[in-house]
Amino acid sequence: MATGQEPMTPPQQPGEAPPSPEQPQQPQVKAAAQAAALDELQDRWRRALADLDNLRKRHAKELERERGEERARTAAAWLPVLDNLERALAHAESDPSSVLKGVEAVRDQAVEVLRGLGYPRYEETGVPFDPTRHEVVGVIDDPGAESNTVAQIVSPGYGADGKQLRPAYVVVSKRQE
């Protein structure tokens, strides 16, 4: 019989190595290694989240800076137009015909600024109605025109190639048949 101080071991099978005193500790070592690996993965995950948050903040700041620079470029492009309008108003009392020519020149300058920003002006008549470029504000019966063509421009459109600032407001011809 065993004394109360020796641990009981199961009977040994033939060819089996005797149990070592370290075997009961292996599950603890494995659990500790898994806990360390889990801690490392959690640390890497937290760092990745922090990096992502920093990237978002940096991107938001850069986007706001880019927007500000673009607003400044656009406003700077309009300053000469504003200057010329003020000059025309200052000479309004002197010679009305020269003021009219000045205002026309300022309009042409404004159209050029829009073209330079990527929004050329279009105001052609006699072309087929295109719902992506035109907005109908009226319909007329015009026996001399093709049906469903632009007969009159109320307000010109600006833009091209899918970048449209505003469609042209048009009157479309319809033939009564």
N, C-alpha and C. Protein backbone atom coordinates (compact mmCIF):
# COMPACT_ATOMS: atom_id res chain seq x y z
N MET A 1 0.81 -1.17 0.00
CA MET A 1 0.00 0.00 0.00
C MET A 1 0.85 1.23 0.00
N ALA A 2 0.35 2.21 -0.61
CA ALA A 2 1.12 3.45 -0.72
C ALA A 2 0.91 4.28 0.51
N THR A 3 1.95 5.01 0.81
CA THR A 3 1.83 5.94 1.93
C THR A 3 1.14 7.18 1.42
N GLY A 4 0.65 8.01 2.22
CA GLY A 4 -0.09 9.20 1.82
C GLY A 4 0.77 10.26 1.18
N GLN A 5 2.09 10.06 1.12
CA GLN A 5 2.96 11.11 0.59
C GLN A 5 3.33 10.89 -0.87
N GLU A 6 3.24 9.72 -1.40
CA GLU A 6 3.61 9.46 -2.79
C GLU A 6 2.38 9.56 -3.67
N PRO A 7 2.51 10.22 -4.85
CA PRO A 7 1.35 10.28 -5.73
C PRO A 7 1.13 8.94 -6.39
N MET A 8 -0.10 8.66 -6.65
CA MET A 8 -0.42 7.40 -7.31
C MET A 8 -0.25 7.59 -8.81
N THR A 9 0.39 6.67 -9.43
CA THR A 9 0.58 6.73 -10.87
C THR A 9 -0.14 5.56 -11.49
N PRO A 10 -0.66 5.76 -12.71
CA PRO A 10 -1.36 4.64 -13.35
C PRO A 10 -0.36 3.56 -13.72
N PRO A 11 -0.82 2.37 -13.86
CA PRO A 11 0.10 1.29 -14.24
C PRO A 11 0.68 1.56 -15.61
N GLN A 12 1.91 1.18 -15.77
CA GLN A 12 2.65 1.46 -17.00
C GLN A 12 2.45 0.32 -17.98
N GLN A 13 2.20 0.68 -19.23
CA GLN A 13 2.03 -0.31 -20.29
C GLN A 13 3.42 -0.71 -20.78
N PRO A 14 3.56 -1.91 -21.36
CA PRO A 14 4.87 -2.31 -21.88
C PRO A 14 5.28 -1.42 -23.04
N GLY A 15 6.50 -0.93 -23.07
CA GLY A 15 7.05 -0.08 -24.12
C GLY A 15 6.74 1.39 -23.91
N GLU A 16 6.04 1.74 -22.88
CA GLU A 16 5.67 3.14 -22.63
C GLU A 16 6.68 3.75 -21.69
N ALA A 17 7.05 5.00 -21.97
CA ALA A 17 8.03 5.68 -21.12
C ALA A 17 7.37 6.08 -19.82
N PRO A 18 8.14 6.05 -18.76
CA PRO A 18 7.54 6.45 -17.48
C PRO A 18 7.19 7.94 -17.53
N PRO A 19 6.12 8.35 -16.86
CA PRO A 19 5.72 9.77 -16.87
C PRO A 19 6.78 10.64 -16.23
N SER A 20 7.03 11.77 -16.89
CA SER A 20 8.03 12.68 -16.32
C SER A 20 7.32 13.68 -15.42
N PRO A 21 8.07 14.25 -14.49
CA PRO A 21 7.43 15.19 -13.58
C PRO A 21 7.04 16.49 -14.30
N GLU A 22 7.51 16.72 -15.55
CA GLU A 22 7.19 17.97 -16.27
C GLU A 22 5.88 17.87 -17.03
N GLN A 23 5.37 16.71 -17.30
CA GLN A 23 4.16 16.56 -18.08
C GLN A 23 2.97 17.31 -17.50
N PRO A 24 2.73 17.31 -16.23
CA PRO A 24 1.58 18.07 -15.72
C PRO A 24 1.73 19.57 -15.97
N GLN A 25 2.93 20.07 -16.18
CA GLN A 25 3.13 21.50 -16.37
C GLN A 25 2.96 21.90 -17.83
N GLN A 26 3.00 21.01 -18.81
CA GLN A 26 2.90 21.35 -20.22
C GLN A 26 1.60 22.08 -20.56
N PRO A 27 0.45 21.68 -20.08
CA PRO A 27 -0.76 22.45 -20.38
C PRO A 27 -0.65 23.88 -19.86
N GLN A 28 0.00 24.10 -18.75
CA GLN A 28 0.16 25.45 -18.21
C GLN A 28 1.09 26.27 -19.10
N VAL A 29 2.17 25.63 -19.58
CA VAL A 29 3.11 26.32 -20.47
C VAL A 29 2.39 26.67 -21.78
N LYS A 30 1.62 25.74 -22.30
CA LYS A 30 0.90 25.98 -23.54
C LYS A 30 -0.12 27.11 -23.36
N ALA A 31 -0.81 27.12 -22.26
CA ALA A 31 -1.80 28.18 -21.99
C ALA A 31 -1.10 29.53 -21.85
N ALA A 32 0.05 29.55 -21.23
CA ALA A 32 0.80 30.80 -21.07
C ALA A 32 1.29 31.30 -22.43
N ALA A 33 1.73 30.37 -23.28
CA ALA A 33 2.18 30.76 -24.62
C ALA A 33 1.02 31.29 -25.45
N GLN A 34 -0.15 30.66 -25.32
CA GLN A 34 -1.32 31.14 -26.05
C GLN A 34 -1.76 32.51 -25.53
N ALA A 35 -1.69 32.71 -24.24
CA ALA A 35 -2.05 34.01 -23.66
C ALA A 35 -1.08 35.09 -24.14
N ALA A 36 0.19 34.76 -24.23
CA ALA A 36 1.19 35.73 -24.72
C ALA A 36 0.92 36.06 -26.19
N ALA A 37 0.60 35.03 -26.98
CA ALA A 37 0.30 35.26 -28.40
C ALA A 37 -0.96 36.11 -28.55
N LEU A 38 -1.96 35.83 -27.71
CA LEU A 38 -3.19 36.62 -27.74
C LEU A 38 -2.91 38.07 -27.36
N ASP A 39 -2.10 38.28 -26.35
CA ASP A 39 -1.74 39.64 -25.95
C ASP A 39 -1.01 40.37 -27.08
N GLU A 40 -0.13 39.65 -27.77
CA GLU A 40 0.61 40.27 -28.88
C GLU A 40 -0.35 40.64 -30.02
N LEU A 41 -1.28 39.72 -30.33
CA LEU A 41 -2.25 40.02 -31.39
C LEU A 41 -3.16 41.20 -31.01
N GLN A 42 -3.58 41.26 -29.76
CA GLN A 42 -4.41 42.38 -29.31
C GLN A 42 -3.63 43.69 -29.39
N ASP A 43 -2.37 43.64 -29.04
CA ASP A 43 -1.53 44.85 -29.12
C ASP A 43 -1.40 45.30 -30.58
N ARG A 44 -1.15 44.35 -31.48
CA ARG A 44 -1.03 44.69 -32.90
C ARG A 44 -2.34 45.24 -33.43
N TRP A 45 -3.47 44.67 -32.99
CA TRP A 45 -4.79 45.13 -33.40
C TRP A 45 -5.02 46.56 -32.93
N ARG A 46 -4.69 46.86 -31.66
CA ARG A 46 -4.85 48.22 -31.14
C ARG A 46 -3.98 49.22 -31.89
N ARG A 47 -2.76 48.81 -32.20
CA ARG A 47 -1.86 49.69 -32.97
C ARG A 47 -2.42 49.95 -34.37
N ALA A 48 -2.96 48.91 -35.00
CA ALA A 48 -3.54 49.07 -36.34
C ALA A 48 -4.74 50.01 -36.29
N LEU A 49 -5.56 49.88 -35.26
CA LEU A 49 -6.70 50.80 -35.10
C LEU A 49 -6.22 52.23 -34.90
N ALA A 50 -5.18 52.41 -34.10
CA ALA A 50 -4.64 53.76 -33.87
C ALA A 50 -4.06 54.32 -35.17
N ASP A 51 -3.36 53.48 -35.94
CA ASP A 51 -2.82 53.93 -37.23
C ASP A 51 -3.94 54.33 -38.18
N LEU A 52 -5.01 53.54 -38.21
CA LEU A 52 -6.14 53.87 -39.06
C LEU A 52 -6.80 55.18 -38.64
N ASP A 53 -6.96 55.38 -37.36
CA ASP A 53 -7.55 56.62 -36.86
C ASP A 53 -6.66 57.82 -37.21
N ASN A 54 -5.36 57.67 -37.07
CA ASN A 54 -4.44 58.75 -37.44
C ASN A 54 -4.50 59.03 -38.94
N LEU A 55 -4.62 57.97 -39.75
CA LEU A 55 -4.73 58.14 -41.19
C LEU A 55 -6.01 58.90 -41.55
N ARG A 56 -7.12 58.55 -40.91
CA ARG A 56 -8.38 59.26 -41.15
C ARG A 56 -8.25 60.74 -40.80
N LYS A 57 -7.67 61.03 -39.66
CA LYS A 57 -7.51 62.44 -39.25
C LYS A 57 -6.60 63.18 -40.22
N ARG A 58 -5.51 62.56 -40.63
CA ARG A 58 -4.58 63.19 -41.57
C ARG A 58 -5.26 63.43 -42.91
N HIS A 59 -6.04 62.46 -43.37
CA HIS A 59 -6.76 62.60 -44.64
C HIS A 59 -7.80 63.73 -44.55
N ALA A 60 -8.52 63.81 -43.45
CA ALA A 60 -9.52 64.88 -43.28
C ALA A 60 -8.86 66.25 -43.31
N LYS A 61 -7.72 66.39 -42.66
CA LYS A 61 -7.00 67.67 -42.67
C LYS A 61 -6.52 68.01 -44.07
N GLU A 62 -5.98 67.02 -44.77
CA GLU A 62 -5.49 67.26 -46.13
C GLU A 62 -6.63 67.61 -47.07
N LEU A 63 -7.76 66.93 -46.93
CA LEU A 63 -8.92 67.22 -47.77
C LEU A 63 -9.41 68.64 -47.53
N GLU A 64 -9.48 69.06 -46.30
CA GLU A 64 -9.91 70.43 -45.98
C GLU A 64 -8.92 71.44 -46.53
N ARG A 65 -7.65 71.14 -46.46
CA ARG A 65 -6.62 72.04 -47.00
C ARG A 65 -6.78 72.16 -48.52
N GLU A 66 -6.97 71.01 -49.19
CA GLU A 66 -7.15 71.01 -50.64
C GLU A 66 -8.39 71.79 -51.05
N ARG A 67 -9.47 71.61 -50.30
CA ARG A 67 -10.70 72.36 -50.60
C ARG A 67 -10.47 73.86 -50.45
N GLY A 68 -9.78 74.24 -49.41
CA GLY A 68 -9.48 75.65 -49.20
C GLY A 68 -8.64 76.23 -50.33
N GLU A 69 -7.63 75.48 -50.76
CA GLU A 69 -6.79 75.94 -51.86
C GLU A 69 -7.59 76.06 -53.15
N GLU A 70 -8.47 75.11 -53.40
CA GLU A 70 -9.29 75.17 -54.62
C GLU A 70 -10.27 76.33 -54.57
N ARG A 71 -10.87 76.57 -53.40
CA ARG A 71 -11.76 77.74 -53.27
C ARG A 71 -10.99 79.02 -53.53
N ALA A 72 -9.78 79.11 -53.01
CA ALA A 72 -8.96 80.30 -53.22
C ALA A 72 -8.60 80.47 -54.69
N ARG A 73 -8.25 79.38 -55.39
CA ARG A 73 -7.94 79.46 -56.83
C ARG A 73 -9.16 79.93 -57.62
N THR A 74 -10.31 79.38 -57.29
CA THR A 74 -11.54 79.75 -58.00
C THR A 74 -11.89 81.21 -57.75
N ALA A 75 -11.81 81.64 -56.50
CA ALA A 75 -12.11 83.04 -56.17
C ALA A 75 -11.13 83.97 -56.86
N ALA A 76 -9.86 83.60 -56.91
CA ALA A 76 -8.85 84.42 -57.58
C ALA A 76 -9.14 84.54 -59.08
N ALA A 77 -9.69 83.49 -59.69
CA ALA A 77 -10.03 83.54 -61.10
C ALA A 77 -11.17 84.53 -61.37
N TRP A 78 -12.03 84.74 -60.37
CA TRP A 78 -13.17 85.66 -60.53
C TRP A 78 -12.83 87.11 -60.18
N LEU A 79 -11.74 87.35 -59.51
CA LEU A 79 -11.40 88.73 -59.11
C LEU A 79 -11.29 89.70 -60.28
N PRO A 80 -10.63 89.35 -61.39
CA PRO A 80 -10.59 90.29 -62.52
C PRO A 80 -11.98 90.61 -63.08
N VAL A 81 -12.88 89.65 -63.06
CA VAL A 81 -14.25 89.89 -63.53
C VAL A 81 -14.91 90.93 -62.63
N LEU A 82 -14.77 90.76 -61.33
CA LEU A 82 -15.34 91.71 -60.38
C LEU A 82 -14.72 93.10 -60.56
N ASP A 83 -13.41 93.16 -60.74
CA ASP A 83 -12.74 94.45 -60.97
C ASP A 83 -13.31 95.15 -62.20
N ASN A 84 -13.51 94.41 -63.28
CA ASN A 84 -14.02 95.00 -64.51
C ASN A 84 -15.48 95.44 -64.37
N LEU A 85 -16.27 94.71 -63.60
CA LEU A 85 -17.64 95.15 -63.34
C LEU A 85 -17.65 96.47 -62.56
N GLU A 86 -16.78 96.58 -61.59
CA GLU A 86 -16.70 97.83 -60.82
C GLU A 86 -16.25 98.99 -61.71
N ARG A 87 -15.33 98.75 -62.62
CA ARG A 87 -14.90 99.81 -63.56
C ARG A 87 -16.06 100.23 -64.45
N ALA A 88 -16.85 99.25 -64.92
CA ALA A 88 -18.00 99.57 -65.77
C ALA A 88 -19.02 100.40 -65.00
N LEU A 89 -19.26 100.05 -63.74
CA LEU A 89 -20.20 100.82 -62.93
C LEU A 89 -19.68 102.24 -62.67
N ALA A 90 -18.39 102.38 -62.50
CA ALA A 90 -17.81 103.71 -62.25
C ALA A 90 -17.99 104.62 -63.47
N HIS A 91 -18.05 104.07 -64.69
CA HIS A 91 -18.19 104.87 -65.90
C HIS A 91 -19.62 104.85 -66.45
N ALA A 92 -20.56 104.38 -65.68
CA ALA A 92 -21.93 104.22 -66.16
C ALA A 92 -22.57 105.53 -66.59
N GLU A 93 -22.21 106.63 -65.98
CA GLU A 93 -22.84 107.91 -66.30
C GLU A 93 -22.18 108.60 -67.48
N SER A 94 -20.97 108.23 -67.82
CA SER A 94 -20.25 108.95 -68.88
C SER A 94 -20.79 108.66 -70.28
N ASP A 95 -20.71 107.45 -70.77
CA ASP A 95 -21.15 107.10 -72.12
C ASP A 95 -21.83 105.74 -72.07
N PRO A 96 -23.17 105.69 -72.15
CA PRO A 96 -23.88 104.42 -72.04
C PRO A 96 -23.45 103.37 -73.06
N SER A 97 -23.07 103.78 -74.27
CA SER A 97 -22.67 102.78 -75.27
C SER A 97 -21.35 102.12 -74.89
N SER A 98 -20.42 102.88 -74.30
CA SER A 98 -19.16 102.28 -73.89
C SER A 98 -19.36 101.36 -72.68
N VAL A 99 -20.32 101.71 -71.83
CA VAL A 99 -20.64 100.84 -70.68
C VAL A 99 -21.19 99.51 -71.19
N LEU A 100 -22.05 99.57 -72.20
CA LEU A 100 -22.61 98.34 -72.76
C LEU A 100 -21.50 97.46 -73.32
N LYS A 101 -20.57 98.05 -74.05
CA LYS A 101 -19.44 97.28 -74.59
C LYS A 101 -18.59 96.72 -73.45
N GLY A 102 -18.41 97.50 -72.39
CA GLY A 102 -17.65 97.03 -71.24
C GLY A 102 -18.30 95.86 -70.54
N VAL A 103 -19.61 95.93 -70.38
CA VAL A 103 -20.34 94.84 -69.73
C VAL A 103 -20.29 93.58 -70.61
N GLU A 104 -20.39 93.74 -71.91
CA GLU A 104 -20.27 92.59 -72.80
C GLU A 104 -18.88 91.96 -72.68
N ALA A 105 -17.86 92.80 -72.58
CA ALA A 105 -16.49 92.28 -72.42
C ALA A 105 -16.34 91.54 -71.09
N VAL A 106 -16.97 92.06 -70.05
CA VAL A 106 -16.91 91.39 -68.74
C VAL A 106 -17.64 90.05 -68.81
N ARG A 107 -18.79 90.01 -69.49
CA ARG A 107 -19.51 88.74 -69.66
C ARG A 107 -18.62 87.73 -70.38
N ASP A 108 -17.96 88.17 -71.45
CA ASP A 108 -17.08 87.28 -72.18
C ASP A 108 -15.94 86.78 -71.28
N GLN A 109 -15.45 87.67 -70.43
CA GLN A 109 -14.38 87.29 -69.49
C GLN A 109 -14.90 86.25 -68.50
N ALA A 110 -16.13 86.42 -68.01
CA ALA A 110 -16.72 85.46 -67.07
C ALA A 110 -16.92 84.10 -67.74
N VAL A 111 -17.36 84.11 -69.00
CA VAL A 111 -17.52 82.86 -69.74
C VAL A 111 -16.17 82.16 -69.89
N GLU A 112 -15.14 82.94 -70.14
CA GLU A 112 -13.79 82.38 -70.27
C GLU A 112 -13.29 81.79 -68.95
N VAL A 113 -13.60 82.44 -67.83
CA VAL A 113 -13.22 81.91 -66.52
C VAL A 113 -13.90 80.55 -66.31
N LEU A 114 -15.18 80.46 -66.61
CA LEU A 114 -15.89 79.19 -66.47
C LEU A 114 -15.29 78.12 -67.38
N ARG A 115 -14.94 78.49 -68.61
CA ARG A 115 -14.31 77.54 -69.53
C ARG A 115 -12.99 77.05 -68.95
N GLY A 116 -12.21 77.98 -68.38
CA GLY A 116 -10.93 77.61 -67.77
C GLY A 116 -11.09 76.70 -66.57
N LEU A 117 -12.23 76.78 -65.90
CA LEU A 117 -12.50 75.90 -64.75
C LEU A 117 -13.09 74.55 -65.19
N GLY A 118 -13.25 74.37 -66.51
CA GLY A 118 -13.74 73.09 -67.02
C GLY A 118 -15.22 73.07 -67.33
N TYR A 119 -15.86 74.24 -67.42
CA TYR A 119 -17.29 74.32 -67.71
C TYR A 119 -17.55 75.25 -68.89
N PRO A 120 -17.26 74.78 -70.12
CA PRO A 120 -17.50 75.64 -71.28
C PRO A 120 -18.99 75.90 -71.48
N ARG A 121 -19.29 77.02 -72.10
CA ARG A 121 -20.67 77.44 -72.34
C ARG A 121 -21.18 76.77 -73.63
N TYR A 122 -22.42 76.33 -73.60
CA TYR A 122 -23.04 75.82 -74.82
C TYR A 122 -24.45 76.40 -74.92
N GLU A 123 -24.77 76.86 -76.13
CA GLU A 123 -26.07 77.48 -76.37
C GLU A 123 -26.49 77.35 -77.82
N GLU A 124 -26.35 76.15 -78.36
CA GLU A 124 -26.68 75.94 -79.75
C GLU A 124 -28.17 75.65 -79.92
N THR A 125 -28.73 76.17 -81.00
CA THR A 125 -30.12 75.90 -81.35
C THR A 125 -30.13 75.01 -82.58
N GLY A 126 -31.28 74.36 -82.82
CA GLY A 126 -31.40 73.48 -83.97
C GLY A 126 -30.83 72.09 -83.75
N VAL A 127 -30.33 71.84 -82.56
CA VAL A 127 -29.78 70.51 -82.25
C VAL A 127 -30.87 69.66 -81.60
N PRO A 128 -30.77 68.36 -81.70
CA PRO A 128 -31.76 67.50 -81.03
C PRO A 128 -31.74 67.72 -79.51
N PHE A 129 -32.92 67.65 -78.93
CA PHE A 129 -33.04 67.78 -77.48
C PHE A 129 -32.31 66.62 -76.81
N ASP A 130 -31.46 66.93 -75.83
CA ASP A 130 -30.70 65.93 -75.09
C ASP A 130 -31.00 66.14 -73.60
N PRO A 131 -31.72 65.24 -72.95
CA PRO A 131 -32.09 65.44 -71.55
C PRO A 131 -30.90 65.52 -70.60
N THR A 132 -29.72 65.06 -71.04
CA THR A 132 -28.55 65.17 -70.16
C THR A 132 -27.91 66.55 -70.24
N ARG A 133 -28.25 67.33 -71.29
CA ARG A 133 -27.65 68.66 -71.47
C ARG A 133 -28.68 69.78 -71.46
N HIS A 134 -29.96 69.44 -71.63
CA HIS A 134 -31.00 70.47 -71.74
C HIS A 134 -32.10 70.24 -70.72
N GLU A 135 -32.71 71.34 -70.30
CA GLU A 135 -33.89 71.27 -69.46
C GLU A 135 -34.97 72.09 -70.16
N VAL A 136 -36.10 71.45 -70.43
CA VAL A 136 -37.17 72.09 -71.18
C VAL A 136 -37.92 73.05 -70.26
N VAL A 137 -38.06 74.30 -70.72
CA VAL A 137 -38.85 75.28 -69.99
C VAL A 137 -40.05 75.73 -70.82
N GLY A 138 -40.12 75.25 -72.07
CA GLY A 138 -41.24 75.59 -72.92
C GLY A 138 -41.24 74.76 -74.18
N VAL A 139 -42.42 74.69 -74.80
CA VAL A 139 -42.58 73.95 -76.04
C VAL A 139 -43.33 74.86 -77.01
N ILE A 140 -42.86 74.90 -78.28
CA ILE A 140 -43.54 75.70 -79.29
C ILE A 140 -43.85 74.83 -80.50
N ASP A 141 -44.88 75.25 -81.25
CA ASP A 141 -45.21 74.58 -82.50
C ASP A 141 -44.48 75.33 -83.61
N ASP A 142 -43.49 74.69 -84.22
CA ASP A 142 -42.69 75.31 -85.27
C ASP A 142 -42.70 74.39 -86.48
N PRO A 143 -43.55 74.72 -87.48
CA PRO A 143 -43.64 73.84 -88.64
C PRO A 143 -42.34 73.77 -89.45
N GLY A 144 -41.49 74.76 -89.33
CA GLY A 144 -40.25 74.77 -90.10
C GLY A 144 -39.10 74.03 -89.43
N ALA A 145 -39.29 73.56 -88.23
CA ALA A 145 -38.20 72.90 -87.49
C ALA A 145 -38.51 71.43 -87.29
N GLU A 146 -37.46 70.65 -87.13
CA GLU A 146 -37.62 69.23 -86.79
C GLU A 146 -38.29 69.14 -85.43
N SER A 147 -39.10 68.14 -85.25
CA SER A 147 -39.72 67.92 -83.96
C SER A 147 -38.66 67.50 -82.94
N ASN A 148 -38.83 67.94 -81.73
CA ASN A 148 -37.95 67.58 -80.61
C ASN A 148 -36.54 68.13 -80.77
N THR A 149 -36.43 69.34 -81.32
CA THR A 149 -35.14 70.03 -81.41
C THR A 149 -35.20 71.30 -80.60
N VAL A 150 -34.02 71.80 -80.24
CA VAL A 150 -33.92 73.03 -79.46
C VAL A 150 -34.22 74.20 -80.39
N ALA A 151 -35.29 74.95 -80.09
CA ALA A 151 -35.69 76.08 -80.92
C ALA A 151 -35.15 77.39 -80.35
N GLN A 152 -35.02 77.47 -79.03
CA GLN A 152 -34.59 78.72 -78.40
C GLN A 152 -33.86 78.40 -77.10
N ILE A 153 -32.84 79.21 -76.80
CA ILE A 153 -32.11 79.08 -75.54
C ILE A 153 -32.61 80.16 -74.59
N VAL A 154 -33.10 79.78 -73.45
CA VAL A 154 -33.52 80.75 -72.44
C VAL A 154 -32.32 81.12 -71.57
N SER A 155 -31.56 80.12 -71.14
CA SER A 155 -30.31 80.32 -70.40
C SER A 155 -29.31 79.29 -70.89
N PRO A 156 -28.09 79.72 -71.19
CA PRO A 156 -27.11 78.75 -71.70
C PRO A 156 -26.70 77.75 -70.62
N GLY A 157 -26.21 76.61 -71.09
CA GLY A 157 -25.69 75.59 -70.19
C GLY A 157 -24.18 75.69 -70.09
N TYR A 158 -23.63 75.08 -69.04
CA TYR A 158 -22.19 75.11 -68.82
C TYR A 158 -21.72 73.73 -68.43
N GLY A 159 -20.71 73.25 -69.15
CA GLY A 159 -20.11 71.96 -68.84
C GLY A 159 -19.98 71.10 -70.07
N ALA A 160 -19.26 70.00 -69.92
CA ALA A 160 -19.06 69.06 -71.03
C ALA A 160 -18.57 67.73 -70.48
N ASP A 161 -18.73 66.69 -71.28
CA ASP A 161 -18.20 65.36 -70.97
C ASP A 161 -18.62 64.86 -69.59
N GLY A 162 -19.89 64.97 -69.27
CA GLY A 162 -20.37 64.45 -67.99
C GLY A 162 -20.12 65.35 -66.81
N LYS A 163 -19.36 66.41 -66.98
CA LYS A 163 -19.14 67.39 -65.90
C LYS A 163 -20.01 68.60 -66.21
N GLN A 164 -21.22 68.60 -65.71
CA GLN A 164 -22.14 69.67 -66.04
C GLN A 164 -22.39 70.54 -64.82
N LEU A 165 -22.17 71.83 -64.99
CA LEU A 165 -22.47 72.78 -63.93
C LEU A 165 -23.95 73.10 -63.93
N ARG A 166 -24.49 73.31 -65.13
CA ARG A 166 -25.92 73.60 -65.26
C ARG A 166 -26.35 73.23 -66.67
N PRO A 167 -27.56 72.62 -66.81
CA PRO A 167 -28.05 72.34 -68.16
C PRO A 167 -28.54 73.63 -68.80
N ALA A 168 -28.64 73.63 -70.12
CA ALA A 168 -29.21 74.77 -70.82
C ALA A 168 -30.73 74.72 -70.66
N TYR A 169 -31.32 75.86 -70.34
CA TYR A 169 -32.78 75.96 -70.26
C TYR A 169 -33.26 76.32 -71.66
N VAL A 170 -34.08 75.45 -72.25
CA VAL A 170 -34.42 75.58 -73.66
C VAL A 170 -35.92 75.49 -73.90
N VAL A 171 -36.30 76.02 -75.08
CA VAL A 171 -37.64 75.85 -75.62
C VAL A 171 -37.49 74.86 -76.76
N VAL A 172 -38.31 73.81 -76.75
CA VAL A 172 -38.21 72.72 -77.72
C VAL A 172 -39.36 72.82 -78.72
N SER A 173 -39.04 72.51 -79.97
CA SER A 173 -40.07 72.55 -81.02
C SER A 173 -40.80 71.21 -81.08
N LYS A 174 -42.08 71.31 -81.28
CA LYS A 174 -42.92 70.11 -81.50
C LYS A 174 -43.82 70.44 -82.67
N ARG A 175 -43.86 69.58 -83.64
CA ARG A 175 -44.77 69.76 -84.78
C ARG A 175 -46.08 69.08 -84.50
N GLN A 176 -47.13 69.81 -84.73
CA GLN A 176 -48.47 69.22 -84.61
C GLN A 176 -48.75 68.47 -85.90
N GLU A 177 -49.03 67.21 -85.80
CA GLU A 177 -49.25 66.41 -87.02
C GLU A 177 -50.67 65.98 -87.13
